[in-house]
Amino acid sequence: QAQLVESGGGLVQAGGSLRLSCVVSGLPFSAYTVGWFRQAPGKEREFVASIRWISQIPAYADSVGSRVTISLDNAKNSVYLEMSSLESEDTAVYYCAADRSILLEYATRVEYWGQGTQVTVSS
């Protein structure tokens, strides 16, 4: 049974930074892409970033620009999302996700989801 557990969310001031973590277990890591989505109340869940476990080539949503960096640690079976210059529009529940698709952004049906971690940016 695959499990994705997020952590690192919380309250942060506008302009600040944070690092989200996702511990992944129960997956044949070499066959999967992992990444992050986010969803604010009343809005659609949107793709943020992803990384292929084997190639470690990242992919980012255009909307986040250079403010986001995704990385992984093979030894810890973890994927990270670093965000900087946070603003109110970044407030959302951030979900870790895993799918066999090479590019998570184009996955029609994501196989696994974490429970989410709340990020709240105060102005």
Protein backbone atom coordinates (compact mmCIF):
# COMPACT_ATOMS: atom_id res chain seq x y z
CA GLN A 1 0.00 0.00 0.00
CA ALA A 2 1.53 3.25 -1.13
CA GLN A 3 1.64 6.09 1.35
CA LEU A 4 2.61 9.71 0.95
CA VAL A 5 2.90 11.81 4.08
CA GLU A 6 3.39 15.56 3.84
CA SER A 7 4.80 17.87 6.46
CA GLY A 8 6.24 21.34 6.76
CA GLY A 9 3.13 23.42 6.26
CA GLY A 10 2.08 26.18 8.58
CA LEU A 11 1.70 29.90 8.95
CA VAL A 12 4.28 32.07 7.24
CA GLN A 13 4.52 35.79 6.66
CA ALA A 14 4.30 37.23 3.19
CA GLY A 15 7.70 37.30 1.57
CA GLY A 16 8.90 34.40 3.64
CA SER A 17 9.97 30.91 2.68
CA LEU A 18 9.18 27.36 3.65
CA ARG A 19 10.07 23.81 2.80
CA LEU A 20 7.52 21.06 2.44
CA SER A 21 8.45 17.42 2.78
CA CYS A 22 6.80 14.26 1.54
CA VAL A 23 7.87 10.84 2.72
CA VAL A 24 6.97 8.16 0.20
CA SER A 25 6.63 4.46 0.93
CA GLY A 26 5.21 1.38 -0.74
CA LEU A 27 6.11 2.41 -4.28
CA PRO A 28 8.52 1.04 -6.86
CA PHE A 29 10.22 4.40 -6.91
CA SER A 30 12.04 3.90 -10.19
CA ALA A 31 8.74 3.70 -12.08
CA TYR A 32 7.15 6.83 -10.63
CA THR A 33 7.06 10.55 -10.83
CA VAL A 34 6.39 12.43 -7.60
CA GLY A 35 5.39 16.00 -7.09
CA TRP A 36 3.11 18.59 -5.60
CA PHE A 37 -0.32 20.04 -6.24
CA ARG A 38 -2.15 22.69 -4.28
CA GLN A 39 -5.75 23.65 -3.76
CA ALA A 40 -7.24 26.75 -2.22
CA PRO A 41 -10.86 26.88 -1.02
CA GLY A 42 -13.20 27.32 -3.95
CA LYS A 43 -10.46 26.78 -6.49
CA GLU A 44 -9.38 23.89 -8.66
CA ARG A 45 -6.47 21.77 -7.60
CA GLU A 46 -3.46 22.91 -9.58
CA PHE A 47 -0.11 21.42 -10.42
CA VAL A 48 2.94 22.99 -8.81
CA ALA A 49 6.00 20.86 -9.54
CA SER A 50 7.14 17.30 -10.13
CA ILE A 51 10.29 15.25 -10.43
CA ARG A 52 11.02 11.86 -11.95
CA TRP A 53 12.59 9.58 -9.39
CA ILE A 54 15.13 8.05 -11.77
CA SER A 55 16.17 10.98 -13.92
CA GLN A 56 15.53 13.64 -11.26
CA ILE A 57 14.54 16.02 -14.01
CA PRO A 58 12.12 18.55 -12.53
CA ALA A 59 9.08 20.15 -14.05
CA TYR A 60 7.39 23.32 -12.83
CA ALA A 61 4.12 25.07 -13.39
CA ASP A 62 4.51 28.35 -15.20
CA SER A 63 2.54 30.08 -12.48
CA VAL A 64 5.15 29.51 -9.78
CA GLY A 65 8.09 30.69 -11.86
CA SER A 66 11.44 30.65 -10.15
CA ARG A 67 10.03 30.79 -6.63
CA VAL A 68 9.78 27.02 -6.35
CA THR A 69 12.37 24.27 -6.30
CA ILE A 70 11.59 20.58 -6.13
CA SER A 71 14.13 17.98 -5.09
CA LEU A 72 14.34 14.48 -3.69
CA ASP A 73 16.47 12.49 -1.32
CA ASN A 74 16.78 8.84 -2.31
CA ALA A 75 18.18 7.82 1.05
CA LYS A 76 15.18 9.25 2.88
CA ASN A 77 12.56 8.36 0.24
CA SER A 78 11.48 11.97 0.40
CA VAL A 79 10.57 14.72 -2.00
CA TYR A 80 10.79 18.37 -1.06
CA LEU A 81 9.20 21.58 -2.23
CA GLU A 82 11.00 24.79 -1.41
CA MET A 83 9.06 28.00 -1.87
CA SER A 84 10.24 31.56 -1.47
CA SER A 85 8.75 35.03 -1.74
CA LEU A 86 5.46 33.67 -0.52
CA GLU A 87 2.33 35.72 -0.93
CA SER A 88 -1.32 35.37 -0.06
CA GLU A 89 -2.11 33.62 -3.34
CA ASP A 90 0.12 30.76 -2.22
CA THR A 91 -2.25 29.96 0.63
CA ALA A 92 -3.61 26.49 -0.02
CA VAL A 93 -3.50 22.88 0.99
CA TYR A 94 -0.46 21.34 -0.64
CA TYR A 95 -0.69 17.71 -1.67
CA CYS A 96 2.08 15.31 -2.45
CA ALA A 97 1.30 13.02 -5.36
CA ALA A 98 2.77 10.07 -7.25
CA ASP A 99 1.99 8.67 -10.67
CA ARG A 100 3.57 6.51 -13.35
CA SER A 101 3.32 9.32 -15.88
CA ILE A 102 6.65 10.86 -16.78
CA LEU A 103 5.21 14.34 -16.38
CA LEU A 104 2.85 14.60 -13.46
CA GLU A 105 1.37 17.78 -14.90
CA TYR A 106 -0.24 15.77 -17.69
CA ALA A 107 -1.40 12.78 -15.70
CA THR A 108 -5.07 12.19 -16.39
CA ARG A 109 -5.58 10.30 -13.15
CA VAL A 110 -3.04 10.60 -10.37
CA GLU A 111 -2.58 7.24 -8.69
CA TYR A 112 -1.64 8.30 -5.19
CA TRP A 113 -2.24 11.34 -3.03
CA GLY A 114 -1.08 12.45 0.34
CA GLN A 115 -3.49 13.91 2.87
CA GLY A 116 -2.19 17.42 2.38
CA THR A 117 -0.50 20.04 4.49
CA GLN A 118 -1.91 23.52 5.00
CA VAL A 119 0.14 26.53 4.02
CA THR A 120 -1.19 29.88 5.14
CA VAL A 121 0.54 33.09 4.13
CA SER A 122 -0.27 36.12 6.24
CA SER A 123 -0.04 39.61 4.85
